PDB file of N, CA and C in Angstrom:
ATOM      1  N   MET A   1      12.672  76.119  17.298  1.00  0.00           N
ATOM      2  CA  MET A   1      12.681  76.401  15.496  1.00  0.00           C
ATOM      3  C   MET A   1      13.876  76.220  14.699  1.00  0.00           C
ATOM      4  N   ALA A   2      14.931  76.985  15.363  1.00  0.00           N
ATOM      5  CA  ALA A   2      16.237  76.773  15.045  1.00  0.00           C
ATOM      6  C   ALA A   2      16.841  75.706  14.828  1.00  0.00           C
ATOM      7  N   ASN A   3      16.479  74.793  16.016  1.00  0.00           N
ATOM      8  CA  ASN A   3      17.081  73.347  16.061  1.00  0.00           C
ATOM      9  C   ASN A   3      16.440  72.617  14.813  1.00  0.00           C
ATOM     10  N   GLN A   4      15.210  72.671  14.615  1.00  0.00           N
ATOM     11  CA  GLN A   4      14.567  72.071  13.575  1.00  0.00           C
ATOM     12  C   GLN A   4      15.267  72.551  12.061  1.00  0.00           C
ATOM     13  N   SER A   5      15.467  73.334  11.904  1.00  0.00           N
ATOM     14  CA  SER A   5      16.052  73.910  10.772  1.00  0.00           C
ATOM     15  C   SER A   5      17.610  73.092  10.547  1.00  0.00           C
ATOM     16  N   ARG A   6      18.345  73.396  11.686  1.00  0.00           N
ATOM     17  CA  ARG A   6      19.667  72.591  11.791  1.00  0.00           C
ATOM     18  C   ARG A   6      19.557  71.230  11.580  1.00  0.00           C
ATOM     19  N   ARG A   7      18.576  70.496  12.139  1.00  0.00           N
ATOM     20  CA  ARG A   7      18.225  68.931  11.871  1.00  0.00           C
ATOM     21  C   ARG A   7      18.015  68.779  10.263  1.00  0.00           C
ATOM     22  N   ASP A   8      17.198  69.559   9.841  1.00  0.00           N
ATOM     23  CA  ASP A   8      16.756  69.454   8.381  1.00  0.00           C
ATOM     24  C   ASP A   8      18.096  69.706   7.486  1.00  0.00           C
ATOM     25  N   PHE A   9      18.739  70.742   7.804  1.00  0.00           N
ATOM     26  CA  PHE A   9      19.990  70.682   7.047  1.00  0.00           C
ATOM     27  C   PHE A   9      20.988  69.750   7.128  1.00  0.00           C
ATOM     28  N   MET A  10      21.154  69.343   8.340  1.00  0.00           N
ATOM     29  CA  MET A  10      22.084  68.263   8.638  1.00  0.00           C
ATOM     30  C   MET A  10      21.713  66.772   7.878  1.00  0.00           C
ATOM     31  N   ARG A  11      20.375  66.491   8.033  1.00  0.00           N
ATOM     32  CA  ARG A  11      19.713  65.428   7.363  1.00  0.00           C
ATOM     33  C   ARG A  11      19.921  65.518   5.910  1.00  0.00           C
ATOM     34  N   ASN A  12      19.701  66.682   5.445  1.00  0.00           N
ATOM     35  CA  ASN A  12      19.610  66.780   3.837  1.00  0.00           C
ATOM     36  C   ASN A  12      21.128  66.737   3.508  1.00  0.00           C
ATOM     37  N   SER A  13      21.644  67.369   3.923  1.00  0.00           N
ATOM     38  CA  SER A  13      23.377  67.457   3.918  1.00  0.00           C
ATOM     39  C   SER A  13      23.803  65.907   3.776  1.00  0.00           C
ATOM     40  N   LEU A  14      23.590  65.133   4.550  1.00  0.00           N
ATOM     41  CA  LEU A  14      23.982  63.795   4.748  1.00  0.00           C
ATOM     42  C   LEU A  14      23.375  62.933   3.550  1.00  0.00           C
ATOM     43  N   LEU A  15      21.935  63.509   3.270  1.00  0.00           N
ATOM     44  CA  LEU A  15      21.666  62.650   2.174  1.00  0.00           C
ATOM     45  C   LEU A  15      22.276  63.069   0.582  1.00  0.00           C
ATOM     46  N   GLY A  16      22.655  64.182   0.617  1.00  0.00           N
ATOM     47  CA  GLY A  16      23.276  64.861  -0.600  1.00  0.00           C
ATOM     48  C   GLY A  16      24.588  63.977  -0.708  1.00  0.00           C
ATOM     49  N   VAL A  17      25.450  64.138   0.539  1.00  0.00           N
ATOM     50  CA  VAL A  17      26.758  63.360   0.489  1.00  0.00           C
ATOM     51  C   VAL A  17      26.610  61.827   0.117  1.00  0.00           C
ATOM     52  N   ALA A  18      25.543  61.258   0.563  1.00  0.00           N
ATOM     53  CA  ALA A  18      25.507  59.823   0.502  1.00  0.00           C
ATOM     54  C   ALA A  18      25.057  59.604  -1.031  1.00  0.00           C
ATOM     55  N   ALA A  19      24.285  60.350  -1.629  1.00  0.00           N
ATOM     56  CA  ALA A  19      24.131  60.287  -3.269  1.00  0.00           C
ATOM     57  C   ALA A  19      25.195  60.564  -4.341  1.00  0.00           C
ATOM     58  N   LEU A  20      26.106  61.272  -3.563  1.00  0.00           N
ATOM     59  CA  LEU A  20      27.274  61.726  -4.614  1.00  0.00           C
ATOM     60  C   LEU A  20      28.100  60.386  -5.218  1.00  0.00           C
ATOM     61  N   PRO A  21      28.293  59.317  -4.624  1.00  0.00           N
ATOM     62  CA  PRO A  21      28.971  58.199  -5.509  1.00  0.00           C
ATOM     63  C   PRO A  21      28.274  57.752  -6.532  1.00  0.00           C
ATOM     64  N   LEU A  22      26.719  57.594  -6.390  1.00  0.00           N
ATOM     65  CA  LEU A  22      25.813  56.988  -7.367  1.00  0.00           C
ATOM     66  C   LEU A  22      25.836  58.072  -8.387  1.00  0.00           C
ATOM     67  N   GLY A  23      25.570  59.333  -8.334  1.00  0.00           N
ATOM     68  CA  GLY A  23      25.663  60.429  -9.278  1.00  0.00           C
ATOM     69  C   GLY A  23      27.176  60.390 -10.281  1.00  0.00           C
ATOM     70  N   ALA A  24      28.163  60.114  -9.394  1.00  0.00           N
ATOM     71  CA  ALA A  24      29.547  60.210  -9.878  1.00  0.00           C
ATOM     72  C   ALA A  24      29.516  58.909 -10.803  1.00  0.00           C
ATOM     73  N   GLY A  25      29.031  57.701 -10.349  1.00  0.00           N
ATOM     74  CA  GLY A  25      29.131  56.513 -11.087  1.00  0.00           C
ATOM     75  C   GLY A  25      28.213  56.546 -12.396  1.00  0.00           C
ATOM     76  N   ILE A  26      27.354  57.319 -12.337  1.00  0.00           N
ATOM     77  CA  ILE A  26      26.249  57.445 -13.487  1.00  0.00           C
ATOM     78  C   ILE A  26      27.193  58.303 -14.603  1.00  0.00           C
ATOM     79  N   LEU A  27      27.748  59.502 -14.040  1.00  0.00           N
ATOM     80  CA  LEU A  27      28.276  60.439 -14.912  1.00  0.00           C
ATOM     81  C   LEU A  27      29.822  59.674 -15.548  1.00  0.00           C
ATOM     82  N   SER A  28      30.443  58.918 -14.747  1.00  0.00           N
ATOM     83  CA  SER A  28      31.697  58.357 -15.202  1.00  0.00           C
ATOM     84  C   SER A  28      31.348  57.420 -16.226  1.00  0.00           C
ATOM     85  N   LYS A  29      30.278  56.645 -16.316  1.00  0.00           N
ATOM     86  CA  LYS A  29      29.764  55.437 -17.175  1.00  0.00           C
ATOM     87  C   LYS A  29      29.450  56.406 -18.658  1.00  0.00           C
ATOM     88  N   GLN A  30      28.631  57.473 -18.332  1.00  0.00           N
ATOM     89  CA  GLN A  30      28.298  58.093 -19.559  1.00  0.00           C
ATOM     90  C   GLN A  30      29.571  58.793 -20.297  1.00  0.00           C
ATOM     91  N   ALA A  31      30.431  59.009 -19.524  1.00  0.00           N
ATOM     92  CA  ALA A  31      31.765  59.748 -20.218  1.00  0.00           C
ATOM     93  C   ALA A  31      32.735  58.665 -20.741  1.00  0.00           C
ATOM     94  N   PHE A  32      32.552  57.535 -19.961  1.00  0.00           N
ATOM     95  CA  PHE A  32      33.389  56.415 -20.665  1.00  0.00           C
ATOM     96  C   PHE A  32      32.812  55.800 -21.941  1.00  0.00           C
ATOM     97  N   ALA A  33      31.371  55.886 -21.877  1.00  0.00           N
ATOM     98  CA  ALA A  33      30.786  55.489 -23.129  1.00  0.00           C
ATOM     99  C   ALA A  33      31.034  56.347 -24.385  1.00  0.00           C
ATOM    100  N   GLN A  34      31.316  57.866 -24.021  1.00  0.00           N
ATOM    101  CA  GLN A  34      31.584  58.549 -25.021  1.00  0.00           C
ATOM    102  C   GLN A  34      33.140  58.650 -25.489  1.00  0.00           C
ATOM    103  N   THR A  35      33.716  57.899 -24.797  1.00  0.00           N
ATOM    104  CA  THR A  35      35.320  57.933 -25.055  1.00  0.00           C
ATOM    105  C   THR A  35      35.648  56.627 -25.707  1.00  0.00           C
ATOM    106  N   LEU A  36      34.805  55.636 -25.747  1.00  0.00           N
ATOM    107  CA  LEU A  36      35.060  54.205 -25.960  1.00  0.00           C
ATOM    108  C   LEU A  36      35.188  54.200 -27.804  1.00  0.00           C
ATOM    109  N   PRO A  37      36.594  54.034 -27.958  1.00  0.00           N
ATOM    110  CA  PRO A  37      36.987  53.856 -29.373  1.00  0.00           C
ATOM    111  C   PRO A  37      36.351  52.723 -30.423  1.00  0.00           C
ATOM    112  N   ARG A  38      36.037  53.061 -31.351  1.00  0.00           N
ATOM    113  CA  ARG A  38      35.383  52.278 -32.382  1.00  0.00           C
ATOM    114  C   ARG A  38      36.326  51.120 -32.766  1.00  0.00           C
ATOM    115  N   LEU A  39      35.897  49.867 -32.716  1.00  0.00           N
ATOM    116  CA  LEU A  39      36.703  48.763 -33.079  1.00  0.00           C
ATOM    117  C   LEU A  39      37.178  48.958 -34.426  1.00  0.00           C
ATOM    118  N   ASP A  40      38.208  48.653 -34.942  1.00  0.00           N
ATOM    119  CA  ASP A  40      38.875  48.685 -36.369  1.00  0.00           C
ATOM    120  C   ASP A  40      38.725  47.152 -36.839  1.00  0.00           C
ATOM    121  N   PRO A  41      37.702  47.038 -37.993  1.00  0.00           N
ATOM    122  CA  PRO A  41      37.704  45.825 -38.466  1.00  0.00           C
ATOM    123  C   PRO A  41      38.906  44.994 -38.695  1.00  0.00           C
ATOM    124  N   ASN A  42      40.127  45.673 -38.940  1.00  0.00           N
ATOM    125  CA  ASN A  42      41.544  45.160 -38.978  1.00  0.00           C
ATOM    126  C   ASN A  42      42.338  44.760 -37.723  1.00  0.00           C
ATOM    127  N   ASP A  43      41.619  44.860 -36.652  1.00  0.00           N
ATOM    128  CA  ASP A  43      42.356  44.720 -35.415  1.00  0.00           C
ATOM    129  C   ASP A  43      42.405  43.019 -35.242  1.00  0.00           C
ATOM    130  N   GLU A  44      43.209  42.535 -34.891  1.00  0.00           N
ATOM    131  CA  GLU A  44      43.540  41.056 -34.825  1.00  0.00           C
ATOM    132  C   GLU A  44      42.537  40.360 -34.315  1.00  0.00           C
ATOM    133  N   GLN A  45      41.985  41.000 -33.098  1.00  0.00           N
ATOM    134  CA  GLN A  45      40.711  39.862 -32.611  1.00  0.00           C
ATOM    135  C   GLN A  45      39.848  40.097 -33.496  1.00  0.00           C
ATOM    136  N   ALA A  46      39.251  41.294 -33.922  1.00  0.00           N
ATOM    137  CA  ALA A  46      38.011  41.510 -34.982  1.00  0.00           C
ATOM    138  C   ALA A  46      38.086  40.714 -35.979  1.00  0.00           C
ATOM    139  N   GLN A  47      39.257  40.296 -36.664  1.00  0.00           N
ATOM    140  CA  GLN A  47      39.496  39.564 -37.685  1.00  0.00           C
ATOM    141  C   GLN A  47      39.386  37.938 -37.476  1.00  0.00           C
ATOM    142  N   ALA A  48      39.678  37.683 -36.007  1.00  0.00           N
ATOM    143  CA  ALA A  48      39.763  36.289 -35.571  1.00  0.00           C
ATOM    144  C   ALA A  48      38.199  36.037 -35.483  1.00  0.00           C
ATOM    145  N   LEU A  49      37.347  37.094 -35.340  1.00  0.00           N
ATOM    146  CA  LEU A  49      35.735  36.623 -35.063  1.00  0.00           C
ATOM    147  C   LEU A  49      35.078  37.119 -36.275  1.00  0.00           C
ATOM    148  N   ASN A  50      35.872  37.363 -37.356  1.00  0.00           N
ATOM    149  CA  ASN A  50      35.428  38.057 -38.438  1.00  0.00           C
ATOM    150  C   ASN A  50      34.319  39.161 -38.531  1.00  0.00           C
ATOM    151  N   TYR A  51      34.653  40.282 -37.695  1.00  0.00           N
ATOM    152  CA  TYR A  51      33.806  41.289 -37.586  1.00  0.00           C
ATOM    153  C   TYR A  51      33.718  42.112 -38.839  1.00  0.00           C
ATOM    154  N   VAL A  52      32.557  42.492 -38.900  1.00  0.00           N
ATOM    155  CA  VAL A  52      32.579  43.571 -39.997  1.00  0.00           C
ATOM    156  C   VAL A  52      31.450  44.602 -39.623  1.00  0.00           C
ATOM    157  N   GLU A  53      31.789  45.738 -40.054  1.00  0.00           N
ATOM    158  CA  GLU A  53      30.970  47.080 -39.843  1.00  0.00           C
ATOM    159  C   GLU A  53      29.604  46.999 -40.353  1.00  0.00           C
ATOM    160  N   VAL A  54      29.326  46.271 -41.511  1.00  0.00           N
ATOM    161  CA  VAL A  54      27.874  46.212 -42.029  1.00  0.00           C
ATOM    162  C   VAL A  54      27.762  44.758 -42.200  1.00  0.00           C
ATOM    163  N   ALA A  55      26.720  44.360 -41.641  1.00  0.00           N
ATOM    164  CA  ALA A  55      26.477  42.798 -41.219  1.00  0.00           C
ATOM    165  C   ALA A  55      26.338  42.208 -42.878  1.00  0.00           C
ATOM    166  N   GLU A  56      25.445  42.755 -43.724  1.00  0.00           N
ATOM    167  CA  GLU A  56      25.277  42.107 -45.043  1.00  0.00           C
ATOM    168  C   GLU A  56      26.810  41.873 -45.836  1.00  0.00           C
ATOM    169  N   ASP A  57      28.034  42.545 -45.272  1.00  0.00           N
ATOM    170  CA  ASP A  57      29.067  42.184 -45.873  1.00  0.00           C
ATOM    171  C   ASP A  57      29.634  40.442 -45.406  1.00  0.00           C
ATOM    172  N   ALA A  58      29.051  39.896 -44.573  1.00  0.00           N
ATOM    173  CA  ALA A  58      29.253  38.956 -44.093  1.00  0.00           C
ATOM    174  C   ALA A  58      28.481  37.502 -44.542  1.00  0.00           C
ATOM    175  N   SER A  59      27.497  38.104 -45.793  1.00  0.00           N
ATOM    176  CA  SER A  59      26.613  37.225 -46.225  1.00  0.00           C
ATOM    177  C   SER A  59      27.124  36.138 -46.666  1.00  0.00           C
ATOM    178  N   ASP A  60      28.466  35.938 -47.282  1.00  0.00           N
ATOM    179  CA  ASP A  60      29.006  34.915 -47.450  1.00  0.00           C
ATOM    180  C   ASP A  60      29.611  33.852 -46.436  1.00  0.00           C
ATOM    181  N   HIS A  61      29.750  34.236 -45.264  1.00  0.00           N
ATOM    182  CA  HIS A  61      30.011  33.653 -44.010  1.00  0.00           C
ATOM    183  C   HIS A  61      29.138  32.394 -43.481  1.00  0.00           C
ATOM    184  N   PRO A  62      29.367  31.315 -43.379  1.00  0.00           N
ATOM    185  CA  PRO A  62      28.846  30.153 -43.140  1.00  0.00           C
ATOM    186  C   PRO A  62      27.932  30.455 -41.889  1.00  0.00           C
ATOM    187  N   ALA A  63      28.177  31.267 -40.769  1.00  0.00           N
ATOM    188  CA  ALA A  63      27.418  31.209 -39.710  1.00  0.00           C
ATOM    189  C   ALA A  63      26.540  32.559 -39.800  1.00  0.00           C
ATOM    190  N   PHE A  64      26.349  33.240 -40.819  1.00  0.00           N
ATOM    191  CA  PHE A  64      25.808  34.513 -40.850  1.00  0.00           C
ATOM    192  C   PHE A  64      24.403  33.868 -41.257  1.00  0.00           C
ATOM    193  N   GLU A  65      23.231  34.819 -40.885  1.00  0.00           N
ATOM    194  CA  GLU A  65      21.957  34.831 -40.996  1.00  0.00           C
ATOM    195  C   GLU A  65      21.497  36.171 -40.973  1.00  0.00           C
ATOM    196  N   ALA A  66      20.591  36.266 -42.270  1.00  0.00           N
ATOM    197  CA  ALA A  66      19.952  37.642 -42.347  1.00  0.00           C
ATOM    198  C   ALA A  66      19.179  37.833 -41.269  1.00  0.00           C
ATOM    199  N   GLY A  67      19.373  39.384 -40.531  1.00  0.00           N
ATOM    200  CA  GLY A  67      18.654  39.796 -39.302  1.00  0.00           C
ATOM    201  C   GLY A  67      19.634  39.776 -38.247  1.00  0.00           C
ATOM    202  N   GLU A  68      20.921  39.232 -38.430  1.00  0.00           N
ATOM    203  CA  GLU A  68      21.780  39.160 -37.181  1.00  0.00           C
ATOM    204  C   GLU A  68      22.644  40.366 -37.286  1.00  0.00           C
ATOM    205  N   TYR A  69      22.602  41.354 -35.834  1.00  0.00           N
ATOM    206  CA  TYR A  69      23.269  42.591 -35.982  1.00  0.00           C
ATOM    207  C   TYR A  69      23.929  42.739 -34.699  1.00  0.00           C
ATOM    208  N   CYS A  70      24.860  43.537 -34.620  1.00  0.00           N
ATOM    209  CA  CYS A  70      25.281  43.522 -33.325  1.00  0.00           C
ATOM    210  C   CYS A  70      24.247  44.065 -32.016  1.00  0.00           C
ATOM    211  N   ASP A  71      23.676  45.010 -32.813  1.00  0.00           N
ATOM    212  CA  ASP A  71      22.489  45.487 -31.592  1.00  0.00           C
ATOM    213  C   ASP A  71      21.617  44.602 -31.311  1.00  0.00           C
ATOM    214  N   ASN A  72      21.155  43.773 -31.846  1.00  0.00           N
ATOM    215  CA  ASN A  72      20.271  42.347 -31.433  1.00  0.00           C
ATOM    216  C   ASN A  72      21.058  41.135 -30.764  1.00  0.00           C
ATOM    217  N   CYS A  73      22.426  41.530 -30.561  1.00  0.00           N
ATOM    218  CA  CYS A  73      23.317  40.060 -29.721  1.00  0.00           C
ATOM    219  C   CYS A  73      22.961  40.336 -28.549  1.00  0.00           C
ATOM    220  N   MET A  74      23.408  39.176 -27.938  1.00  0.00           N
ATOM    221  CA  MET A  74      23.318  39.185 -26.389  1.00  0.00           C
ATOM    222  C   MET A  74      24.611  39.820 -25.856  1.00  0.00           C
ATOM    223  N   PHE A  75      25.712  39.831 -26.603  1.00  0.00           N
ATOM    224  CA  PHE A  75      26.840  40.675 -26.107  1.00  0.00           C
ATOM    225  C   PHE A  75      26.901  41.983 -26.164  1.00  0.00           C
ATOM    226  N   PHE A  76      25.877  42.488 -26.804  1.00  0.00           N
ATOM    227  CA  PHE A  76      25.784  44.115 -27.262  1.00  0.00           C
ATOM    228  C   PHE A  76      25.425  44.983 -25.750  1.00  0.00           C
ATOM    229  N   ASP A  77      25.945  46.120 -25.507  1.00  0.00           N
ATOM    230  CA  ASP A  77      25.373  47.229 -24.695  1.00  0.00           C
ATOM    231  C   ASP A  77      24.988  48.256 -25.293  1.00  0.00           C
ATOM    232  N   SER A  78      23.616  48.254 -25.614  1.00  0.00           N
ATOM    233  CA  SER A  78      23.236  49.432 -26.094  1.00  0.00           C
ATOM    234  C   SER A  78      23.623  51.165 -25.636  1.00  0.00           C
ATOM    235  N   GLY A  79      23.943  50.891 -24.485  1.00  0.00           N
ATOM    236  CA  GLY A  79      24.126  52.199 -23.857  1.00  0.00           C
ATOM    237  C   GLY A  79      25.703  52.676 -23.977  1.00  0.00           C
ATOM    238  N   THR A  80      26.466  51.925 -24.517  1.00  0.00           N
ATOM    239  CA  THR A  80      27.878  52.225 -24.724  1.00  0.00           C
ATOM    240  C   THR A  80      28.265  51.872 -26.107  1.00  0.00           C
ATOM    241  N   GLU A  81      27.221  51.239 -26.803  1.00  0.00           N
ATOM    242  CA  GLU A  81      27.456  50.456 -28.212  1.00  0.00           C
ATOM    243  C   GLU A  81      28.865  49.622 -28.053  1.00  0.00           C
ATOM    244  N   GLY A  82      28.963  49.037 -26.789  1.00  0.00           N
ATOM    245  CA  GLY A  82      30.058  48.047 -26.418  1.00  0.00           C
ATOM    246  C   GLY A  82      29.833  46.610 -26.422  1.00  0.00           C
ATOM    247  N   CYS A  83      30.694  45.903 -26.803  1.00  0.00           N
ATOM    248  CA  CYS A  83      30.394  44.342 -26.925  1.00  0.00           C
ATOM    249  C   CYS A  83      31.368  43.999 -25.767  1.00  0.00           C
ATOM    250  N   GLN A  84      30.709  42.705 -25.286  1.00  0.00           N
ATOM    251  CA  GLN A  84      31.481  42.048 -24.252  1.00  0.00           C
ATOM    252  C   GLN A  84      32.682  41.421 -24.669  1.00  0.00           C
ATOM    253  N   LEU A  85      32.749  40.992 -26.150  1.00  0.00           N
ATOM    254  CA  LEU A  85      33.715  40.117 -26.828  1.00  0.00           C
ATOM    255  C   LEU A  85      35.022  41.184 -27.242  1.00  0.00           C
ATOM    256  N   PHE A  86      34.798  42.507 -27.148  1.00  0.00           N
ATOM    257  CA  PHE A  86      35.612  43.595 -27.412  1.00  0.00           C
ATOM    258  C   PHE A  86      35.512  44.534 -26.384  1.00  0.00           C
ATOM    259  N   PRO A  87      35.937  44.429 -25.193  1.00  0.00           N
ATOM    260  CA  PRO A  87      35.596  45.334 -24.050  1.00  0.00           C
ATOM    261  C   PRO A  87      36.238  46.606 -23.994  1.00  0.00           C
ATOM    262  N   GLN A  88      37.295  46.729 -24.914  1.00  0.00           N
ATOM    263  CA  GLN A  88      37.697  48.045 -25.141  1.00  0.00           C
ATOM    264  C   GLN A  88      37.534  49.072 -26.283  1.00  0.00           C
ATOM    265  N   ASN A  89      36.377  48.524 -26.759  1.00  0.00           N
ATOM    266  CA  ASN A  89      35.895  49.201 -27.986  1.00  0.00           C
ATOM    267  C   ASN A  89      34.417  48.980 -27.986  1.00  0.00           C
ATOM    268  N   SER A  90      33.691  49.976 -28.752  1.00  0.00           N
ATOM    269  CA  SER A  90      32.508  50.025 -29.159  1.00  0.00           C
ATOM    270  C   SER A  90      32.493  49.299 -30.436  1.00  0.00           C
ATOM    271  N   VAL A  91      31.275  48.804 -30.923  1.00  0.00           N
ATOM    272  CA  VAL A  91      31.098  48.358 -32.231  1.00  0.00           C
ATOM    273  C   VAL A  91      29.830  48.922 -33.036  1.00  0.00           C
ATOM    274  N   GLU A  92      30.119  48.794 -34.330  1.00  0.00           N
ATOM    275  CA  GLU A  92      28.699  49.331 -35.106  1.00  0.00           C
ATOM    276  C   GLU A  92      27.399  48.561 -34.759  1.00  0.00           C
ATOM    277  N   PRO A  93      26.499  49.469 -34.251  1.00  0.00           N
ATOM    278  CA  PRO A  93      25.179  48.368 -34.063  1.00  0.00           C
ATOM    279  C   PRO A  93      24.923  47.669 -35.323  1.00  0.00           C
ATOM    280  N   ARG A  94      25.048  48.088 -36.363  1.00  0.00           N
ATOM    281  CA  ARG A  94      24.785  47.087 -37.569  1.00  0.00           C
ATOM    282  C   ARG A  94      25.662  46.308 -38.257  1.00  0.00           C
ATOM    283  N   GLY A  95      26.781  46.231 -37.174  1.00  0.00           N
ATOM    284  CA  GLY A  95      27.746  45.061 -37.750  1.00  0.00           C
ATOM    285  C   GLY A  95      27.524  43.790 -37.243  1.00  0.00           C
ATOM    286  N   TRP A  96      28.453  42.841 -37.535  1.00  0.00           N
ATOM    287  CA  TRP A  96      28.241  41.288 -37.095  1.00  0.00           C
ATOM    288  C   TRP A  96      29.441  40.886 -36.931  1.00  0.00           C
ATOM    289  N   CYS A  97      29.550  39.907 -35.984  1.00  0.00           N
ATOM    290  CA  CYS A  97      30.630  38.638 -36.177  1.00  0.00           C
ATOM    291  C   CYS A  97      30.175  37.340 -35.846  1.00  0.00           C
ATOM    292  N   GLN A  98      31.059  36.617 -36.001  1.00  0.00           N
ATOM    293  CA  GLN A  98      30.703  35.080 -35.979  1.00  0.00           C
ATOM    294  C   GLN A  98      30.330  34.255 -34.645  1.00  0.00           C
ATOM    295  N   SER A  99      30.317  35.523 -33.736  1.00  0.00           N
ATOM    296  CA  SER A  99      30.114  34.844 -32.224  1.00  0.00           C
ATOM    297  C   SER A  99      28.623  35.646 -31.749  1.00  0.00           C
ATOM    298  N   TRP A 100      28.035  36.030 -32.831  1.00  0.00           N
ATOM    299  CA  TRP A 100      26.626  36.456 -32.613  1.00  0.00           C
ATOM    300  C   TRP A 100      25.742  35.626 -31.823  1.00  0.00           C
ATOM    301  N   ALA A 101      24.911  35.875 -30.874  1.00  0.00           N
ATOM    302  CA  ALA A 101      24.181  34.991 -30.352  1.00  0.00           C
ATOM    303  C   ALA A 101      22.725  35.972 -29.955  1.00  0.00           C
ATOM    304  N   PRO A 102      21.607  35.330 -29.842  1.00  0.00           N
ATOM    305  CA  PRO A 102      20.524  35.930 -29.842  1.00  0.00           C
ATOM    306  C   PRO A 102      20.189  36.238 -28.424  1.00  0.00           C
ATOM    307  N   MET A 103      19.674  37.452 -28.124  1.00  0.00           N
ATOM    308  CA  MET A 103      19.431  37.880 -26.903  1.00  0.00           C
ATOM    309  C   MET A 103      18.379  36.982 -26.014  1.00  0.00           C
ATOM    310  N   ASP A 104      18.497  37.036 -24.742  1.00  0.00           N
ATOM    311  CA  ASP A 104      17.738  36.127 -23.703  1.00  0.00           C
ATOM    312  C   ASP A 104      16.207  36.439 -23.659  1.00  0.00           C
TER     313      ASP A 104
END
């Protein structure tokens, strides 16, 4: 009986150790998402792509169409509010830039 408990303990310990990297990855992604700074519309790259924090502010841009927002763009990551075009920053979900593309 003591050997069975020892085996269970060892198996459970190994499973717990094996799961640590997965848990650490999830936690670090959440921590990273919370610290991702918001994109400044005056940033050089933001200006190059005509990024605005309120999509309607771009209504005079020829590429803008009503209903286009960062949060329904294929480049948007809802988990981090990040954008693949601005990987070091988060963006306003109701923002817009001229690279907006529909989700697949």
